[in-house]
Protein backbone atom coordinates (compact mmCIF):
# COMPACT_ATOMS: atom_id res chain seq x y z
CA MET A 1 -0.01 -0.05 0.02
CA ALA A 2 1.56 3.33 -0.84
CA THR A 3 1.50 6.25 1.75
CA ALA A 4 -0.60 9.01 0.78
CA PHE A 5 1.72 12.65 1.12
CA THR A 6 0.00 16.00 1.76
CA TYR A 7 0.65 19.51 2.72
CA ASN A 8 -1.80 20.73 4.87
CA LEU A 9 -2.25 24.54 5.42
CA SER A 10 -4.71 24.15 8.30
CA LYS A 11 -3.31 24.93 12.01
CA GLN A 12 -2.16 22.17 14.07
CA ASP A 13 -5.04 22.64 16.96
CA GLY A 14 -7.09 19.45 17.20
CA LEU A 15 -4.39 17.26 15.51
CA SER A 16 -6.07 13.47 15.71
CA PRO A 17 -3.54 11.38 13.72
CA ASP A 18 -2.18 8.30 15.32
CA LEU A 19 1.25 10.14 15.87
CA VAL A 20 2.54 13.92 15.86
CA ILE A 21 6.12 14.25 15.04
CA ARG A 22 7.99 17.47 16.02
CA PHE A 23 12.04 18.18 15.22
CA VAL A 24 13.86 19.70 17.77
CA GLN A 25 17.45 21.27 17.75
CA LYS A 26 19.82 20.99 20.73
CA GLU A 27 20.05 24.96 20.84
CA GLN A 28 16.58 25.39 21.34
CA LEU A 29 16.44 23.18 24.29
CA GLU A 30 19.42 24.80 25.78
CA ALA A 31 17.97 28.20 25.38
CA GLY A 32 14.57 27.03 26.39
CA GLN A 33 12.73 28.44 23.41
CA PHE A 34 11.57 25.17 22.12
CA GLU A 35 7.50 25.31 21.91
CA SER A 36 5.87 22.35 19.95
CA VAL A 37 2.28 20.70 20.31
CA HIS A 38 1.41 21.42 24.00
CA PRO A 39 3.17 23.16 27.03
CA GLN A 40 2.96 19.96 28.85
CA LEU A 41 4.99 17.44 26.28
CA ASP A 42 7.35 20.43 26.13
CA GLU A 43 8.10 20.18 29.89
CA ALA A 44 8.43 16.69 29.49
CA LEU A 45 10.71 16.86 26.87
CA LYS A 46 12.82 19.35 28.31
CA GLY A 47 12.87 17.42 31.47
CA LEU A 48 14.34 14.51 29.77
CA TYR A 49 17.09 16.76 28.20
CA ALA A 50 17.69 17.94 31.72
CA ARG A 51 18.48 14.40 32.94
CA GLY A 52 20.76 13.70 29.87
CA ALA A 53 17.77 10.78 28.69
CA PHE A 54 17.65 13.08 25.33
CA HIS A 55 20.41 14.99 23.46
CA ALA A 56 18.68 16.19 20.30
CA LYS A 57 21.49 14.66 18.46
CA PRO A 58 20.31 14.28 14.56
CA GLN A 59 17.92 11.55 14.07
CA GLU A 60 17.75 10.72 18.10
CA THR A 61 14.12 10.09 18.90
CA VAL A 62 12.18 9.95 21.82
CA ILE A 63 8.31 9.21 21.82
CA LEU A 64 6.02 10.40 24.57
CA PRO A 65 2.26 9.16 25.17
CA THR A 66 0.20 12.34 25.23
CA LEU A 67 -2.19 11.19 27.76
CA GLY A 68 -4.89 13.08 26.68
CA VAL A 69 -3.36 16.64 26.28
CA ILE A 70 -4.08 16.54 22.47
CA GLN A 71 -5.82 14.20 20.50
CA ALA A 72 -3.14 12.31 18.87
CA PRO A 73 -2.19 9.47 21.45
CA TYR A 74 1.72 9.72 20.88
CA ALA A 75 4.10 12.38 20.00
CA ALA A 76 7.64 11.76 18.71
CA PHE A 77 10.78 14.24 19.16
CA ILE A 78 13.26 13.86 16.79
CA GLY A 79 16.90 15.59 16.81
CA LEU A 80 17.77 17.64 14.08
CA GLU A 81 21.09 19.84 12.99
CA ALA A 82 21.32 23.45 14.39
CA GLY A 83 21.03 25.94 11.55
CA ASP A 84 19.77 25.64 7.61
CA ALA A 85 18.94 21.90 7.37
CA SER A 86 20.11 20.50 4.35
CA ALA A 87 18.57 18.08 1.95
CA ASP A 88 20.70 15.30 3.58
CA GLU A 89 19.78 16.09 7.04
CA LEU A 90 16.09 16.35 6.35
CA ARG A 91 16.09 13.03 4.37
CA SER A 92 17.57 11.55 7.21
CA ALA A 93 14.85 13.26 9.38
CA GLY A 94 12.22 11.62 7.10
CA ALA A 95 13.87 8.48 7.81
CA ALA A 96 13.77 8.84 11.54
CA ALA A 97 10.15 9.95 11.32
CA ALA A 98 9.12 6.77 9.54
CA LYS A 99 10.79 4.47 11.79
CA ALA A 100 9.09 6.33 14.89
CA ALA A 101 5.85 5.44 12.95
CA ALA A 102 6.81 1.69 12.11
CA ARG A 103 7.43 1.27 16.17
CA LEU A 104 3.87 2.60 17.01
CA LYS A 105 2.18 1.25 13.67
CA ALA A 106 1.05 4.46 13.10
CA ALA A 107 -1.42 4.54 10.27
CA SER A 108 -1.53 8.37 10.03
CA VAL A 109 1.08 10.64 10.99
CA SER A 110 1.27 14.49 11.32
CA VAL A 111 5.03 16.10 10.70
CA LEU A 112 5.20 19.72 12.24
CA LEU A 113 7.44 21.78 10.32
CA ALA A 114 8.97 25.12 11.78
CA ASP A 115 8.81 27.83 9.27
CA GLY A 116 12.47 27.50 8.21
CA ILE A 117 11.66 24.21 6.88
CA ALA A 118 8.66 24.51 5.34
CA ALA A 119 9.42 27.87 3.46
CA GLY A 120 12.84 26.31 2.50
CA THR A 121 16.31 27.89 3.04
CA GLU A 122 19.30 29.12 0.90
CA SER A 123 20.62 25.65 1.08
CA CYS A 124 17.15 23.77 0.90
CA SER A 125 14.44 25.07 -1.14
CA ALA A 126 10.91 24.37 -0.12
CA VAL A 127 10.58 21.69 -3.05
CA HIS A 128 13.54 20.29 -2.38
CA ALA A 129 12.57 19.98 1.38
CA ALA A 130 9.66 18.04 0.44
CA GLN A 131 11.09 15.96 -1.87
CA ALA A 132 13.82 14.81 0.53
CA PHE A 133 11.43 14.37 3.53
CA THR A 134 9.21 12.17 1.16
CA GLU A 135 12.29 10.18 0.07
CA GLY A 136 13.38 9.65 3.33
CA PHE A 137 10.23 8.31 4.83
CA VAL A 138 9.48 6.13 2.01
CA LEU A 139 13.00 4.63 1.66
CA ALA A 140 13.36 4.08 5.46
CA LEU A 141 10.22 1.59 5.26
CA HIS A 142 11.38 -0.50 1.99
CA GLY A 143 13.65 -3.28 2.65
CA ARG A 144 13.87 -6.78 1.64
CA GLN A 145 10.70 -9.08 2.14
CA ALA A 146 11.41 -12.34 3.17
CA ASP A 147 9.77 -15.45 1.33
CA ARG A 148 8.39 -17.03 4.23
CA LYS A 149 5.29 -19.30 4.41
CA ALA A 150 3.82 -17.22 6.69
CA ALA A 151 5.13 -13.77 5.99
CA ALA A 152 4.22 -10.77 8.07
CA GLU A 153 2.86 -7.61 6.05
CA PRO A 154 5.39 -4.65 5.86
CA PHE A 155 4.21 -1.76 7.74
CA SER A 156 3.32 1.22 5.69
CA ALA A 157 1.75 4.71 6.98
CA ALA A 158 -1.58 5.15 5.11
CA GLN A 159 -1.61 8.85 5.49
CA VAL A 160 1.42 11.25 6.22
CA GLU A 161 0.67 15.13 6.20
CA PHE A 162 3.19 17.94 6.70
CA VAL A 163 1.72 20.74 9.16
CA PRO A 164 3.46 24.44 9.28
CA ASP A 165 3.65 25.42 12.70
CA ALA A 166 0.49 27.32 13.90
CA GLY A 167 1.22 31.15 13.25
CA ALA A 168 4.44 30.28 11.55
CA ALA A 169 3.19 29.93 7.88
CA PRO A 170 4.96 32.69 5.65
CA ASP A 171 2.98 35.38 3.75
CA SER A 172 3.29 33.35 0.85
CA ALA A 173 1.68 30.40 2.05
CA GLU A 174 -0.04 29.39 -1.00
CA ALA A 175 3.38 29.37 -2.96
CA THR A 176 5.00 27.26 -0.40
CA ALA A 177 2.09 24.78 -0.34
CA ALA A 178 2.40 24.55 -4.09
CA ALA A 179 6.29 23.71 -3.50
CA TRP A 180 5.49 21.05 -1.13
CA LYS A 181 2.68 19.63 -3.40
CA SER A 182 5.64 19.49 -6.45
CA GLY A 183 8.29 18.26 -4.12
CA ILE A 184 6.26 15.55 -2.36
CA ALA A 185 5.28 14.29 -6.05
CA ARG A 186 8.94 14.34 -7.07
CA GLY A 187 10.20 12.57 -4.14
CA ALA A 188 7.42 9.76 -4.10
CA ALA A 189 8.43 9.23 -7.83
CA PHE A 190 12.27 8.82 -6.77
CA ALA A 191 11.40 6.70 -3.84
CA ALA A 192 9.19 4.59 -5.94
CA GLY A 193 12.26 4.09 -8.49
CA VAL A 194 14.35 3.16 -5.50
CA CYS A 195 12.38 0.49 -4.21
CA PHE A 196 11.97 -1.27 -7.74
CA ALA A 197 15.57 -1.12 -7.99
CA ARG A 198 15.83 -2.67 -4.25
CA ASP A 199 13.12 -5.21 -5.23
CA LEU A 200 14.85 -6.66 -8.60
CA THR A 201 18.19 -6.49 -6.71
CA ASN A 202 17.09 -8.59 -3.72
CA ARG A 203 15.32 -11.17 -6.08
CA PRO A 204 17.25 -14.65 -5.81
CA GLY A 205 19.20 -15.66 -8.71
CA ASN A 206 16.94 -18.85 -9.45
CA LEU A 207 14.10 -16.20 -10.04
CA LEU A 208 15.68 -13.66 -11.76
CA THR A 209 17.62 -15.11 -15.00
CA PRO A 210 18.40 -12.71 -17.86
CA GLU A 211 15.29 -13.63 -19.49
CA ALA A 212 13.25 -12.66 -16.33
CA LEU A 213 15.11 -9.46 -15.98
CA ALA A 214 14.29 -8.97 -19.82
CA GLU A 215 10.64 -9.50 -18.78
CA GLU A 216 10.52 -7.07 -15.91
CA ALA A 217 12.00 -4.33 -18.58
CA GLU A 218 9.19 -5.07 -21.11
CA GLN A 219 6.45 -4.84 -18.36
CA LEU A 220 8.02 -1.45 -17.13
CA SER A 221 7.87 -0.17 -20.69
CA GLN A 222 4.63 -1.32 -21.46
CA GLN A 223 3.52 0.42 -18.33
CA TYR A 224 4.95 3.69 -18.94
CA GLU A 225 4.45 3.49 -23.26
CA LEU A 226 8.18 3.07 -23.60
CA GLU A 227 9.92 1.39 -26.57
CA CYS A 228 11.61 -1.65 -25.37
CA GLU A 229 13.76 -4.35 -27.42
CA VAL A 230 15.47 -7.38 -26.39
CA LEU A 231 17.91 -9.27 -28.04
CA ASP A 232 18.12 -12.96 -27.44
CA GLU A 233 21.26 -15.26 -28.04
CA TRP A 234 20.68 -15.42 -31.62
CA SER A 235 20.12 -11.91 -32.10
CA ALA A 236 23.38 -10.83 -30.10
CA ALA A 237 25.45 -13.14 -32.32
CA GLU A 238 23.99 -11.44 -35.62
CA GLN A 239 25.14 -8.20 -34.02
CA GLY A 240 28.38 -9.57 -33.25
CA MET A 241 27.86 -9.34 -29.28
CA GLY A 242 30.94 -11.43 -28.54
CA ALA A 243 31.68 -10.28 -25.28
CA LEU A 244 28.12 -10.59 -23.80
CA LEU A 245 27.76 -14.03 -25.55
CA GLY A 246 31.13 -15.09 -24.16
CA VAL A 247 30.22 -14.60 -20.61
CA GLY A 248 26.64 -16.05 -20.82
CA GLN A 249 27.80 -19.28 -22.60
CA GLY A 250 28.83 -21.14 -19.53
CA SER A 251 25.08 -20.84 -18.52
CA VAL A 252 21.89 -22.77 -19.45
CA ASN A 253 20.08 -19.65 -18.92
CA PRO A 254 21.07 -17.68 -22.14
CA PRO A 255 21.98 -13.77 -22.35
CA ARG A 256 19.72 -10.76 -23.14
CA MET A 257 20.71 -7.31 -24.44
CA ILE A 258 17.86 -5.11 -23.33
CA VAL A 259 17.33 -1.67 -24.67
CA ILE A 260 14.38 0.80 -23.61
CA HIS A 261 13.95 3.95 -25.38
CA TYR A 262 12.58 7.21 -23.85
CA ASN A 263 12.23 10.33 -26.18
CA GLY A 264 11.24 13.55 -24.32
CA ALA A 265 12.76 15.79 -26.82
CA PRO A 266 12.38 14.56 -30.33
CA ASP A 267 14.07 17.52 -31.82
CA ASP A 268 16.96 17.38 -29.78
CA GLU A 269 19.97 15.58 -31.15
CA GLU A 270 21.52 14.90 -27.66
CA LYS A 271 20.92 11.59 -26.31
CA TRP A 272 21.84 9.85 -22.92
CA GLY A 273 23.38 6.60 -23.12
CA LEU A 274 22.56 4.93 -19.36
CA ILE A 275 24.29 1.31 -19.24
CA GLY A 276 23.69 -1.01 -16.45
CA LYS A 277 25.52 -4.32 -15.61
CA GLY A 278 23.17 -6.93 -15.53
CA ILE A 279 24.66 -9.99 -14.38
CA THR A 280 21.86 -12.03 -12.52
CA PHE A 281 24.40 -14.28 -10.74
CA ASP A 282 28.05 -14.60 -10.75
CA THR A 283 29.96 -17.15 -9.60
CA GLY A 284 33.24 -16.27 -11.14
CA GLY A 285 32.81 -18.70 -14.01
CA ILE A 286 36.16 -20.69 -14.35
CA SER A 287 37.81 -18.30 -12.35
CA LEU A 288 35.38 -19.39 -9.18
CA LYS A 289 34.96 -17.01 -6.20
CA LYS A 290 35.13 -18.58 -2.71
CA ALA A 291 32.03 -19.74 -1.15
CA PRO A 292 31.53 -17.46 1.62
CA GLY A 293 29.50 -14.46 0.59
CA MET A 294 28.89 -15.68 -2.70
CA GLU A 295 24.97 -15.50 -2.19
CA GLU A 296 25.24 -11.77 -2.33
CA MET A 297 26.12 -12.42 -5.70
CA ILE A 298 22.54 -11.93 -6.67
CA SER A 299 23.31 -8.20 -6.29
CA ASP A 300 25.44 -8.20 -9.29
CA MET A 301 22.91 -6.72 -11.45
CA GLY A 302 22.65 -3.61 -9.03
CA GLY A 303 23.70 -1.66 -11.93
CA ALA A 304 20.93 -2.79 -14.18
CA ALA A 305 18.37 -2.24 -11.22
CA ALA A 306 19.67 1.38 -10.84
CA VAL A 307 19.02 1.91 -14.36
CA LEU A 308 15.37 0.37 -14.51
CA GLY A 309 14.61 2.63 -10.96
CA ALA A 310 15.96 5.68 -12.99
CA MET A 311 13.83 4.79 -15.97
CA ARG A 312 10.90 4.47 -14.09
CA ILE A 313 11.36 7.82 -12.52
CA ILE A 314 12.18 9.38 -15.66
CA ALA A 315 8.79 7.90 -17.50
CA GLU A 316 6.68 8.97 -14.29
CA LEU A 317 8.11 12.73 -14.53
CA ARG A 318 8.76 13.02 -18.21
CA PRO A 319 11.68 15.38 -18.66
CA ALA A 320 12.50 16.71 -21.93
CA VAL A 321 15.63 14.73 -22.42
CA ASN A 322 16.25 11.51 -24.53
CA VAL A 323 17.45 8.43 -23.09
CA VAL A 324 18.52 5.30 -24.32
CA ALA A 325 18.99 2.66 -21.17
CA VAL A 326 21.04 -0.64 -22.42
CA ILE A 327 21.30 -3.55 -20.00
CA PRO A 328 23.46 -6.55 -20.94
CA SER A 329 22.36 -9.45 -19.01
CA ALA A 330 23.97 -12.71 -18.35
CA GLU A 331 24.51 -15.40 -15.86
CA ASN A 332 28.28 -15.94 -15.03
CA MET A 333 28.73 -19.87 -14.54
CA PRO A 334 31.15 -22.56 -14.76
CA SER A 335 30.68 -25.47 -17.00
CA ASP A 336 32.11 -27.49 -20.26
CA ARG A 337 31.18 -24.50 -22.26
CA ALA A 338 32.24 -21.46 -20.06
CA LEU A 339 35.02 -19.30 -20.85
CA LYS A 340 38.49 -20.06 -19.97
CA PRO A 341 41.25 -18.10 -18.61
CA GLY A 342 43.41 -17.28 -21.79
CA ASP A 343 40.43 -17.29 -24.39
CA VAL A 344 40.22 -14.46 -26.91
CA ILE A 345 37.06 -13.23 -27.68
CA THR A 346 35.70 -10.46 -30.11
CA SER A 347 33.62 -7.54 -29.04
CA MET A 348 30.57 -5.84 -30.89
CA ASN A 349 32.87 -3.04 -31.91
CA GLY A 350 35.75 -5.13 -33.32
CA LEU A 351 38.14 -5.01 -30.49
CA THR A 352 39.61 -8.42 -29.38
CA ILE A 353 39.88 -9.03 -25.65
CA GLU A 354 42.12 -11.43 -23.96
CA VAL A 355 39.99 -13.08 -20.82
CA VAL A 356 42.99 -13.45 -18.34
CA ASN A 357 40.26 -13.64 -15.43
CA THR A 358 36.53 -14.88 -15.96
CA ASP A 359 35.66 -13.11 -12.75
CA ALA A 360 36.10 -9.84 -14.72
CA GLU A 361 33.19 -10.56 -16.60
CA GLY A 362 30.89 -7.23 -15.88
CA ARG A 363 33.05 -5.32 -17.96
CA LEU A 364 32.87 -7.66 -20.87
CA VAL A 365 29.26 -7.38 -21.02
CA LEU A 366 29.42 -3.30 -20.67
CA ALA A 367 32.09 -3.31 -23.41
CA ASP A 368 29.13 -4.82 -25.80
CA GLY A 369 26.59 -2.58 -23.71
CA LEU A 370 28.28 0.91 -24.65
CA THR A 371 28.42 -0.02 -28.31
CA THR A 372 24.87 -0.92 -28.19
CA ALA A 373 23.99 2.42 -26.73
CA ILE A 374 26.28 4.43 -29.26
CA ARG A 375 24.90 2.62 -32.43
CA ARG A 376 21.26 3.73 -31.02
CA GLY A 377 22.22 7.27 -30.98
CA ALA A 378 23.84 7.89 -27.62
CA THR A 379 25.98 11.09 -27.55
CA ARG A 380 26.94 10.82 -23.55
CA LEU A 381 27.45 7.75 -21.84
CA ILE A 382 27.17 6.77 -18.13
CA ASP A 383 27.60 3.12 -17.01
CA VAL A 384 26.66 1.59 -13.77
CA ALA A 385 28.22 -1.31 -12.30
CA THR A 386 28.98 -3.67 -9.41
CA LEU A 387 32.32 -3.98 -10.93
CA THR A 388 35.06 -4.57 -8.46
CA GLY A 389 35.87 -5.48 -5.11
CA ALA A 390 38.85 -2.88 -4.97
CA VAL A 391 36.30 0.16 -4.88
CA GLY A 392 35.09 -1.29 -1.38
CA VAL A 393 38.64 -1.59 0.02
CA ALA A 394 39.23 2.12 -1.35
CA LEU A 395 35.89 3.54 -0.34
CA GLY A 396 34.20 1.23 1.92
CA ASP A 397 30.16 1.21 1.30
CA LEU A 398 29.71 4.79 1.87
CA VAL A 399 30.87 6.17 -1.65
CA THR A 400 30.65 5.39 -5.13
CA GLY A 401 33.73 5.29 -7.41
CA ALA A 402 33.85 7.21 -10.53
CA VAL A 403 36.14 6.56 -13.77
CA SER A 404 35.74 9.11 -16.63
CA ASN A 405 37.20 10.67 -19.61
CA ASN A 406 35.36 13.78 -19.50
CA SER A 407 35.98 15.78 -16.39
CA MET A 408 32.86 18.24 -17.14
CA LEU A 409 30.26 15.42 -17.30
CA GLN A 410 31.91 13.79 -14.38
CA GLU A 411 31.33 16.72 -12.20
CA GLN A 412 27.54 17.07 -13.51
CA VAL A 413 27.44 13.26 -12.18
CA ILE A 414 28.80 14.01 -8.87
CA ALA A 415 26.91 17.03 -8.54
CA ALA A 416 23.57 15.05 -9.03
CA GLY A 417 25.09 12.63 -6.57
CA MET A 418 25.43 15.31 -4.05
CA ARG A 419 21.40 16.42 -4.46
CA SER A 420 20.61 12.64 -4.17
CA GLY A 421 22.65 12.08 -0.81
CA GLU A 422 24.77 9.53 -2.78
CA ARG A 423 28.28 10.83 -2.68
CA ILE A 424 30.67 9.76 -5.65
CA TRP A 425 34.41 10.06 -5.60
CA PRO A 426 36.39 10.62 -8.73
CA PHE A 427 39.72 8.09 -9.60
CA PRO A 428 42.66 9.42 -11.17
CA THR A 429 42.91 8.11 -14.89
CA ASP A 430 46.71 8.86 -15.75
CA PRO A 431 47.57 7.21 -18.87
CA GLY A 432 50.10 4.91 -17.19
CA TYR A 433 46.88 3.06 -15.74
CA ARG A 434 45.60 2.05 -19.41
CA LYS A 435 49.03 0.48 -20.26
CA LEU A 436 48.17 -2.09 -17.43
CA LEU A 437 45.58 -3.58 -19.80
CA HIS A 438 48.20 -4.27 -22.39
CA SER A 439 47.63 -7.84 -23.96
CA ASP A 440 50.09 -9.91 -25.99
CA ALA A 441 47.59 -11.98 -27.50
CA ALA A 442 44.71 -9.45 -28.12
CA ASP A 443 43.83 -5.84 -28.51
CA LEU A 444 43.50 -5.49 -24.65
CA LYS A 445 42.98 -7.87 -21.60
CA ASN A 446 40.12 -7.59 -19.17
CA SER A 447 42.23 -7.44 -16.12
CA GLY A 448 45.22 -5.35 -15.10
CA GLY A 449 45.77 -7.29 -12.10
CA ARG A 450 45.36 -6.52 -8.34
CA HIS A 451 46.98 -2.79 -8.10
CA ALA A 452 44.59 -0.11 -9.19
CA GLY A 453 41.71 -2.49 -10.09
CA THR A 454 39.02 0.09 -9.87
CA ILE A 455 40.81 2.14 -12.22
CA THR A 456 41.79 -0.52 -14.66
CA GLY A 457 38.43 -1.85 -14.62
CA GLY A 458 36.87 1.43 -15.36
CA LEU A 459 39.32 2.16 -18.14
CA PHE A 460 38.79 -1.28 -19.76
CA ILE A 461 34.98 -0.08 -20.21
CA GLY A 462 36.33 3.39 -21.20
CA ALA A 463 38.20 1.76 -24.19
CA PHE A 464 34.75 1.17 -25.71
CA ALA A 465 33.15 4.71 -25.16
CA GLU A 466 34.52 5.78 -28.78
CA ASP A 467 35.70 9.11 -27.41
CA LEU A 468 32.01 9.98 -26.48
CA PRO A 469 31.63 11.72 -23.24
CA TRP A 470 31.59 8.94 -20.58
CA VAL A 471 31.48 8.37 -16.86
CA HIS A 472 31.56 4.99 -15.15
CA LEU A 473 30.19 4.54 -11.61
CA ASP A 474 31.38 1.19 -9.62
CA ILE A 475 28.72 0.61 -7.13
CA ALA A 476 30.15 -2.65 -5.58
CA GLY A 477 30.62 -1.31 -2.25
CA THR A 478 27.38 0.59 -2.14
CA ALA A 479 24.79 -1.35 -3.79
CA TRP A 480 24.61 -3.95 -1.02
CA LEU A 481 24.71 -3.12 2.77
CA ASN A 482 25.37 -5.79 5.52
CA LYS A 483 23.41 -3.43 7.94
CA GLU A 484 20.92 -0.80 7.45
CA ARG A 485 22.15 2.82 7.59
CA GLY A 486 19.66 5.76 7.84
CA TRP A 487 17.31 5.34 4.89
CA GLU A 488 19.23 2.58 3.39
CA PRO A 489 18.06 -1.05 4.41
CA LYS A 490 20.32 -4.30 4.78
CA GLY A 491 20.62 -5.85 1.83
CA ALA A 492 19.91 -3.96 -1.95
CA THR A 493 20.09 -0.02 -1.45
CA GLY A 494 19.06 0.95 -5.19
CA VAL A 495 21.87 3.32 -4.98
CA MET A 496 22.54 5.64 -8.24
CA ALA A 497 18.67 5.39 -9.47
CA ARG A 498 17.83 8.72 -7.96
CA THR A 499 21.37 10.23 -9.00
CA LEU A 500 20.71 9.06 -12.57
CA ALA A 501 17.19 10.90 -12.34
CA GLU A 502 18.56 13.78 -10.71
CA LEU A 503 21.18 14.29 -13.43
CA LEU A 504 18.74 14.01 -16.31
CA LEU A 505 16.01 16.08 -14.60
């Protein structure tokens, strides 16, 4: 059940939801200037602060029964950073509000907004505040659902209303209300795209084969009236997709090349190419991975999920841009037919590749993915992939790594990530790194070894960009979490779906 979000200009008096939420800053409590929904509740909160039971740290939450002093049975007070709140802080605040609602199973929630939040600030406009709150609330409640015989229904608040402080609404109340309505709609669309990406990534490998992923893309395209083409193994062979076919030849489930077209600016020659790695399960092939943790390789299509999630957002909000989304999808399995270390294959654009490590398969399918996007008119390329373990060593699970041939495009992507709360860090691309991919048997080899693995993996993909502006995003560290964090759950995060949408919108 989707949550209905509204912005209510009516005063707070007589609020009767299941839960009232108010954000509080430490400085307000210290100065004795905090006023919320009722003096008795304020005094109770100040008493908790004085005893050190509540510190008003960001996202710290205390829930108080109202005992009839207001119609709502519970009030939650949530800490917020001092000063002008950023979109990141408001997104986290929305997540904390959602978790408070979930603790109480509150079907209806009223979130009271101080004037500085409702009307927006220099660092965060009213539209972006509404978007951030909405995203945080929805995403914090959406996680992996276990497939159990008696599965519990996940909690979802039916109604969330944002209410400006009594007497604090600015003179431009109608304009603020319109901004919140717009931001809420945008935030709901962004969150839905991420939830879609998470659900795909969390799906077990036996249920999400390349063919099943293609069916998901077709259903999405049909829902939003997008053009979709799916190339099977025979069509891929006709078009010379030797890299995709090479990776997929070891599995009984054949590969697919999935292409979705969105034409929001028919008169514009510019076309974004979004390419997502769609390895629905990765054993490493003949270069077999270690058993511990291999079950998490259901997430190796996190890049494909991010691209599909972004396309859902784009199709929902209809920006004036042109996009071709390409998802090369395969299973990487060991068998008597699988690629062997030392094999030489020919990619779609004619470059030959020495396969020195069959576990470096994502870059192979992405090579044909970039060529597919280029042949369908893409003028700027962004690929998203759970590519290397090395990026996790360098950046952990907090930041996505980037490799690019165009600093201007890379800065645009990084800025979009900052707006989304998804940080991106650029890696160097000095010419010496490219030399690590030199092969004695082919045009290049698919691995440069352990050193600078994230950089050489990205540069391998960039060899197929044909001098077009290109950015590679390595989400191997950020696409899957072993512990929930803020609005990101344990398991699939859906990372980069919102960043891609922010970039194109």
